């Protein structure tokens, strides 16, 4: 799986389920290609910055990142402007 394919899989998944958990993505990508993940400063599995950058470029504005929940989801009426939500 390439970085582009990973980003496209993420988009298709969040569109289908309206929700996509970061840990689920990281575990799935690790199984596909270890170059798509890394271990962050806390030692947790994380999605590569290159995959995330590609995801941001292809995902529409109705997809937001929930910092507190560590997941991507569809935008709700109560959300603030921008992609990053509390």
C-alpha atoms as a PDB file:
ATOM      1  CA  UNK A   1       0.000   0.000   0.000  1.00  0.00           C
ATOM      2  CA  UNK A   2       1.306   3.443  -0.925  1.00  0.00           C
ATOM      3  CA  UNK A   3       0.821   6.698   0.975  1.00  0.00           C
ATOM      4  CA  UNK A   4      -1.788   7.759  -1.586  1.00  0.00           C
ATOM      5  CA  UNK A   5      -3.665   4.467  -1.245  1.00  0.00           C
ATOM      6  CA  UNK A   6      -3.570   4.791   2.545  1.00  0.00           C
ATOM      7  CA  UNK A   7      -5.055   8.300   2.376  1.00  0.00           C
ATOM      8  CA  UNK A   8      -7.737   7.117  -0.060  1.00  0.00           C
ATOM      9  CA  UNK A   9      -8.575   4.169   2.240  1.00  0.00           C
ATOM     10  CA  UNK A  10      -8.887   6.572   5.181  1.00  0.00           C
ATOM     11  CA  UNK A  11     -11.233   8.831   3.225  1.00  0.00           C
ATOM     12  CA  UNK A  12     -13.389   5.956   1.993  1.00  0.00           C
ATOM     13  CA  UNK A  13     -13.623   4.559   5.518  1.00  0.00           C
ATOM     14  CA  UNK A  14     -14.564   7.814   7.231  1.00  0.00           C
ATOM     15  CA  UNK A  15     -17.126   8.516   4.495  1.00  0.00           C
ATOM     16  CA  UNK A  16     -18.657   5.053   4.900  1.00  0.00           C
ATOM     17  CA  UNK A  17     -18.783   4.988   8.698  1.00  0.00           C
ATOM     18  CA  UNK A  18     -18.750   8.752   9.478  1.00  0.00           C
ATOM     19  CA  UNK A  19     -16.005   7.974  12.024  1.00  0.00           C
ATOM     20  CA  UNK A  20     -12.395   6.731  11.920  1.00  0.00           C
ATOM     21  CA  UNK A  21     -10.284   6.091  15.002  1.00  0.00           C
ATOM     22  CA  UNK A  22      -6.563   6.948  14.810  1.00  0.00           C
ATOM     23  CA  UNK A  23      -5.444   3.726  16.513  1.00  0.00           C
ATOM     24  CA  UNK A  24      -7.492   1.645  14.068  1.00  0.00           C
ATOM     25  CA  UNK A  25      -5.832   3.415  11.149  1.00  0.00           C
ATOM     26  CA  UNK A  26      -2.340   2.978  12.586  1.00  0.00           C
ATOM     27  CA  UNK A  27      -2.834  -0.745  13.244  1.00  0.00           C
ATOM     28  CA  UNK A  28      -4.295  -1.328   9.776  1.00  0.00           C
ATOM     29  CA  UNK A  29      -1.506   0.591   8.050  1.00  0.00           C
ATOM     30  CA  UNK A  30       1.150  -1.256  10.039  1.00  0.00           C
ATOM     31  CA  UNK A  31      -0.183  -4.515   8.579  1.00  0.00           C
ATOM     32  CA  UNK A  32      -0.129  -3.053   5.053  1.00  0.00           C
ATOM     33  CA  UNK A  33       3.244  -1.290   5.012  1.00  0.00           C
ATOM     34  CA  UNK A  34       5.355  -0.359   8.032  1.00  0.00           C
ATOM     35  CA  UNK A  35       6.605   2.755   6.223  1.00  0.00           C
ATOM     36  CA  UNK A  36       3.131   4.248   6.672  1.00  0.00           C
ATOM     37  CA  UNK A  37       3.424   4.452  10.470  1.00  0.00           C
ATOM     38  CA  UNK A  38       5.891   5.485  13.170  1.00  0.00           C
ATOM     39  CA  UNK A  39       6.145   5.431  16.942  1.00  0.00           C
ATOM     40  CA  UNK A  40       5.496   8.862  18.476  1.00  0.00           C
ATOM     41  CA  UNK A  41       7.245  10.394  21.516  1.00  0.00           C
ATOM     42  CA  UNK A  42       4.896   8.523  23.857  1.00  0.00           C
ATOM     43  CA  UNK A  43       5.809   5.235  22.189  1.00  0.00           C
ATOM     44  CA  UNK A  44       2.403   4.848  20.566  1.00  0.00           C
ATOM     45  CA  UNK A  45       1.803   3.752  17.007  1.00  0.00           C
ATOM     46  CA  UNK A  46       0.955   6.760  14.818  1.00  0.00           C
ATOM     47  CA  UNK A  47       0.072   7.476  11.198  1.00  0.00           C
ATOM     48  CA  UNK A  48       2.953   8.849   9.128  1.00  0.00           C
ATOM     49  CA  UNK A  49       2.963  12.601   8.604  1.00  0.00           C
ATOM     50  CA  UNK A  50       3.148  12.067   4.830  1.00  0.00           C
ATOM     51  CA  UNK A  51      -0.023   9.953   4.866  1.00  0.00           C
ATOM     52  CA  UNK A  52      -1.783  12.570   6.991  1.00  0.00           C
ATOM     53  CA  UNK A  53      -0.704  15.347   4.621  1.00  0.00           C
ATOM     54  CA  UNK A  54      -2.101  13.437   1.648  1.00  0.00           C
ATOM     55  CA  UNK A  55      -5.314  12.728   3.557  1.00  0.00           C
ATOM     56  CA  UNK A  56      -5.742  16.439   4.310  1.00  0.00           C
ATOM     57  CA  UNK A  57      -5.368  17.328   0.638  1.00  0.00           C
ATOM     58  CA  UNK A  58      -8.012  14.848  -0.558  1.00  0.00           C
ATOM     59  CA  UNK A  59     -10.540  15.032   2.271  1.00  0.00           C
ATOM     60  CA  UNK A  60     -13.415  17.499   2.024  1.00  0.00           C
ATOM     61  CA  UNK A  61     -14.119  20.181   4.629  1.00  0.00           C
ATOM     62  CA  UNK A  62     -16.888  18.135   6.235  1.00  0.00           C
ATOM     63  CA  UNK A  63     -14.246  15.783   7.688  1.00  0.00           C
ATOM     64  CA  UNK A  64     -12.820  17.046  10.988  1.00  0.00           C
ATOM     65  CA  UNK A  65     -10.225  15.835  13.486  1.00  0.00           C
ATOM     66  CA  UNK A  66     -11.359  15.453  17.095  1.00  0.00           C
ATOM     67  CA  UNK A  67      -8.342  16.099  19.324  1.00  0.00           C
ATOM     68  CA  UNK A  68     -10.007  14.829  22.470  1.00  0.00           C
ATOM     69  CA  UNK A  69     -11.312  11.658  20.822  1.00  0.00           C
ATOM     70  CA  UNK A  70      -8.309  11.035  18.563  1.00  0.00           C
ATOM     71  CA  UNK A  71     -10.501  10.323  15.554  1.00  0.00           C
ATOM     72  CA  UNK A  72     -11.733  11.771  12.282  1.00  0.00           C
ATOM     73  CA  UNK A  73     -15.448  12.265  11.825  1.00  0.00           C
ATOM     74  CA  UNK A  74     -18.055  14.148   9.851  1.00  0.00           C
ATOM     75  CA  UNK A  75     -18.598  17.771  10.853  1.00  0.00           C
ATOM     76  CA  UNK A  76     -21.517  18.462  13.214  1.00  0.00           C
ATOM     77  CA  UNK A  77     -23.575  21.659  13.579  1.00  0.00           C
ATOM     78  CA  UNK A  78     -21.910  22.498  16.894  1.00  0.00           C
ATOM     79  CA  UNK A  79     -18.347  22.301  15.505  1.00  0.00           C
ATOM     80  CA  UNK A  80     -16.125  25.337  15.388  1.00  0.00           C
ATOM     81  CA  UNK A  81     -14.702  26.589  12.078  1.00  0.00           C
ATOM     82  CA  UNK A  82     -11.674  24.700  10.823  1.00  0.00           C
ATOM     83  CA  UNK A  83     -10.783  21.040  10.737  1.00  0.00           C
ATOM     84  CA  UNK A  84      -9.336  20.632  14.210  1.00  0.00           C
ATOM     85  CA  UNK A  85     -11.988  20.300  16.897  1.00  0.00           C
ATOM     86  CA  UNK A  86     -11.566  20.080  20.653  1.00  0.00           C
END
